[in-house]
Amino acid sequence: MNYIKQLELDKKELHETLNKINENIVELHRYLNSEKFYNDPYVNKSDVIYRLADALSLSNERRKNG
């Protein structure tokens, strides 16, 4: 594979990873704004960490392979 094609592939993969990370962040935002927290605004730290784990995993995996 030539250099330009490799760069194009890398760019596409990075874009897909960033989209997945963005989806995870949007999902966390929706969760924190859900009815669950209307009457009780306190958030369980473990819930947030769990929901961020996918985004962090994608980010870290991209760094290793990038």
N, C-alpha and C. Protein backbone atom coordinates (compact mmCIF):
# COMPACT_ATOMS: atom_id res chain seq x y z
N MET A 1 0.85 -1.18 0.00
CA MET A 1 0.00 0.00 0.00
C MET A 1 0.89 1.23 0.00
N ASN A 2 0.55 2.17 -0.85
CA ASN A 2 1.39 3.36 -0.90
C ASN A 2 1.08 4.29 0.27
N TYR A 3 1.93 5.26 0.45
CA TYR A 3 1.88 6.15 1.61
C TYR A 3 0.57 6.95 1.67
N ILE A 4 0.13 7.46 0.54
CA ILE A 4 -1.10 8.26 0.49
C ILE A 4 -2.30 7.41 0.87
N LYS A 5 -2.38 6.20 0.33
CA LYS A 5 -3.49 5.30 0.67
C LYS A 5 -3.49 4.97 2.15
N GLN A 6 -2.31 4.76 2.72
CA GLN A 6 -2.21 4.46 4.15
C GLN A 6 -2.69 5.65 4.98
N LEU A 7 -2.30 6.85 4.59
CA LEU A 7 -2.76 8.05 5.29
C LEU A 7 -4.28 8.20 5.21
N GLU A 8 -4.85 7.91 4.04
CA GLU A 8 -6.30 7.99 3.87
C GLU A 8 -7.00 6.97 4.77
N LEU A 9 -6.46 5.76 4.83
CA LEU A 9 -7.03 4.72 5.68
C LEU A 9 -6.92 5.12 7.15
N ASP A 10 -5.77 5.63 7.56
CA ASP A 10 -5.57 6.08 8.94
C ASP A 10 -6.55 7.19 9.30
N LYS A 11 -6.75 8.11 8.38
CA LYS A 11 -7.68 9.22 8.62
C LYS A 11 -9.10 8.70 8.78
N LYS A 12 -9.49 7.76 7.94
CA LYS A 12 -10.83 7.17 8.02
C LYS A 12 -11.02 6.46 9.36
N GLU A 13 -10.03 5.67 9.77
CA GLU A 13 -10.12 4.95 11.04
C GLU A 13 -10.17 5.91 12.23
N LEU A 14 -9.39 6.97 12.17
CA LEU A 14 -9.41 7.97 13.23
C LEU A 14 -10.78 8.64 13.30
N HIS A 15 -11.35 8.97 12.17
CA HIS A 15 -12.67 9.60 12.11
C HIS A 15 -13.72 8.66 12.73
N GLU A 16 -13.66 7.38 12.41
CA GLU A 16 -14.60 6.41 12.97
C GLU A 16 -14.44 6.30 14.48
N THR A 17 -13.21 6.29 14.95
CA THR A 17 -12.95 6.23 16.39
C THR A 17 -13.49 7.46 17.10
N LEU A 18 -13.25 8.62 16.53
CA LEU A 18 -13.75 9.86 17.12
C LEU A 18 -15.27 9.89 17.14
N ASN A 19 -15.91 9.36 16.11
CA ASN A 19 -17.37 9.28 16.09
C ASN A 19 -17.88 8.38 17.21
N LYS A 20 -17.23 7.26 17.44
CA LYS A 20 -17.64 6.35 18.51
C LYS A 20 -17.45 7.00 19.88
N ILE A 21 -16.34 7.70 20.05
CA ILE A 21 -16.09 8.40 21.32
C ILE A 21 -17.17 9.46 21.53
N ASN A 22 -17.50 10.20 20.48
CA ASN A 22 -18.54 11.22 20.56
C ASN A 22 -19.88 10.60 20.94
N GLU A 23 -20.21 9.46 20.35
CA GLU A 23 -21.46 8.77 20.68
C GLU A 23 -21.50 8.39 22.15
N ASN A 24 -20.38 7.93 22.69
CA ASN A 24 -20.32 7.58 24.11
C ASN A 24 -20.53 8.80 24.99
N ILE A 25 -19.96 9.92 24.62
CA ILE A 25 -20.11 11.14 25.41
C ILE A 25 -21.55 11.64 25.33
N VAL A 26 -22.15 11.59 24.16
CA VAL A 26 -23.55 11.99 24.01
C VAL A 26 -24.44 11.09 24.85
N GLU A 27 -24.17 9.79 24.84
CA GLU A 27 -24.95 8.85 25.64
C GLU A 27 -24.81 9.15 27.13
N LEU A 28 -23.64 9.50 27.59
CA LEU A 28 -23.44 9.87 29.00
C LEU A 28 -24.23 11.15 29.30
N HIS A 29 -24.21 12.09 28.40
CA HIS A 29 -24.96 13.33 28.59
C HIS A 29 -26.46 13.03 28.71
N ARG A 30 -26.97 12.18 27.83
CA ARG A 30 -28.38 11.79 27.90
C ARG A 30 -28.70 11.11 29.23
N TYR A 31 -27.82 10.23 29.65
CA TYR A 31 -28.01 9.52 30.91
C TYR A 31 -28.09 10.50 32.07
N LEU A 32 -27.17 11.45 32.11
CA LEU A 32 -27.15 12.40 33.22
C LEU A 32 -28.34 13.36 33.19
N ASN A 33 -28.95 13.52 32.02
CA ASN A 33 -30.14 14.37 31.91
C ASN A 33 -31.43 13.56 31.92
N SER A 34 -31.35 12.28 32.23
CA SER A 34 -32.53 11.43 32.22
C SER A 34 -33.42 11.67 33.44
N GLU A 35 -34.62 11.13 33.37
CA GLU A 35 -35.59 11.27 34.46
C GLU A 35 -35.07 10.72 35.77
N LYS A 36 -34.15 9.80 35.71
CA LYS A 36 -33.58 9.20 36.91
C LYS A 36 -33.07 10.27 37.87
N PHE A 37 -32.61 11.38 37.35
CA PHE A 37 -31.98 12.41 38.18
C PHE A 37 -32.85 13.65 38.39
N TYR A 38 -34.11 13.59 37.98
CA TYR A 38 -34.99 14.74 38.17
C TYR A 38 -35.22 15.04 39.65
N ASN A 39 -35.52 14.03 40.42
CA ASN A 39 -35.81 14.23 41.85
C ASN A 39 -34.58 14.04 42.72
N ASP A 40 -33.66 13.23 42.26
CA ASP A 40 -32.44 12.96 43.03
C ASP A 40 -31.25 13.26 42.12
N PRO A 41 -30.64 14.43 42.25
CA PRO A 41 -29.59 14.84 41.31
C PRO A 41 -28.22 14.20 41.57
N TYR A 42 -28.14 13.33 42.56
CA TYR A 42 -26.84 12.74 42.88
C TYR A 42 -26.53 11.58 41.94
N VAL A 43 -25.31 11.55 41.49
CA VAL A 43 -24.87 10.56 40.52
C VAL A 43 -23.91 9.58 41.19
N ASN A 44 -24.10 8.33 40.87
CA ASN A 44 -23.19 7.30 41.35
C ASN A 44 -21.91 7.37 40.52
N LYS A 45 -20.81 7.57 41.18
CA LYS A 45 -19.51 7.69 40.50
C LYS A 45 -19.23 6.48 39.62
N SER A 46 -19.58 5.30 40.09
CA SER A 46 -19.34 4.07 39.32
C SER A 46 -20.11 4.07 38.01
N ASP A 47 -21.34 4.61 38.02
CA ASP A 47 -22.12 4.69 36.79
C ASP A 47 -21.42 5.54 35.74
N VAL A 48 -20.89 6.67 36.16
CA VAL A 48 -20.21 7.57 35.23
C VAL A 48 -18.93 6.93 34.72
N ILE A 49 -18.17 6.33 35.61
CA ILE A 49 -16.93 5.67 35.20
C ILE A 49 -17.22 4.55 34.21
N TYR A 50 -18.26 3.77 34.49
CA TYR A 50 -18.64 2.68 33.59
C TYR A 50 -18.99 3.21 32.21
N ARG A 51 -19.75 4.30 32.17
CA ARG A 51 -20.18 4.85 30.89
C ARG A 51 -19.04 5.53 30.14
N LEU A 52 -18.03 6.00 30.84
CA LEU A 52 -16.87 6.60 30.19
C LEU A 52 -15.85 5.56 29.73
N ALA A 53 -15.95 4.36 30.27
CA ALA A 53 -14.95 3.32 29.99
C ALA A 53 -14.81 3.03 28.51
N ASP A 54 -15.92 2.97 27.78
CA ASP A 54 -15.84 2.68 26.34
C ASP A 54 -15.10 3.78 25.60
N ALA A 55 -15.42 5.02 25.92
CA ALA A 55 -14.74 6.15 25.25
C ALA A 55 -13.26 6.14 25.56
N LEU A 56 -12.92 5.91 26.81
CA LEU A 56 -11.50 5.86 27.20
C LEU A 56 -10.79 4.69 26.53
N SER A 57 -11.47 3.57 26.46
CA SER A 57 -10.89 2.40 25.82
C SER A 57 -10.61 2.64 24.34
N LEU A 58 -11.58 3.24 23.67
CA LEU A 58 -11.38 3.56 22.24
C LEU A 58 -10.22 4.53 22.05
N SER A 59 -10.17 5.53 22.89
CA SER A 59 -9.11 6.52 22.81
C SER A 59 -7.74 5.89 23.04
N ASN A 60 -7.65 5.08 24.07
CA ASN A 60 -6.36 4.44 24.40
C ASN A 60 -5.95 3.45 23.34
N GLU A 61 -6.90 2.70 22.81
CA GLU A 61 -6.60 1.73 21.75
C GLU A 61 -6.09 2.44 20.51
N ARG A 62 -6.69 3.55 20.18
CA ARG A 62 -6.26 4.32 19.00
C ARG A 62 -4.84 4.82 19.18
N ARG A 63 -4.50 5.27 20.40
CA ARG A 63 -3.15 5.76 20.66
C ARG A 63 -2.12 4.64 20.50
N LYS A 64 -2.45 3.44 20.97
CA LYS A 64 -1.53 2.31 20.87
C LYS A 64 -1.28 1.94 19.41
N ASN A 65 -2.37 1.94 18.64
CA ASN A 65 -2.26 1.50 17.25
C ASN A 65 -1.92 2.63 16.28
N GLY A 66 -2.00 3.87 16.76
CA GLY A 66 -1.76 5.02 15.88
C GLY A 66 -0.33 5.28 15.75
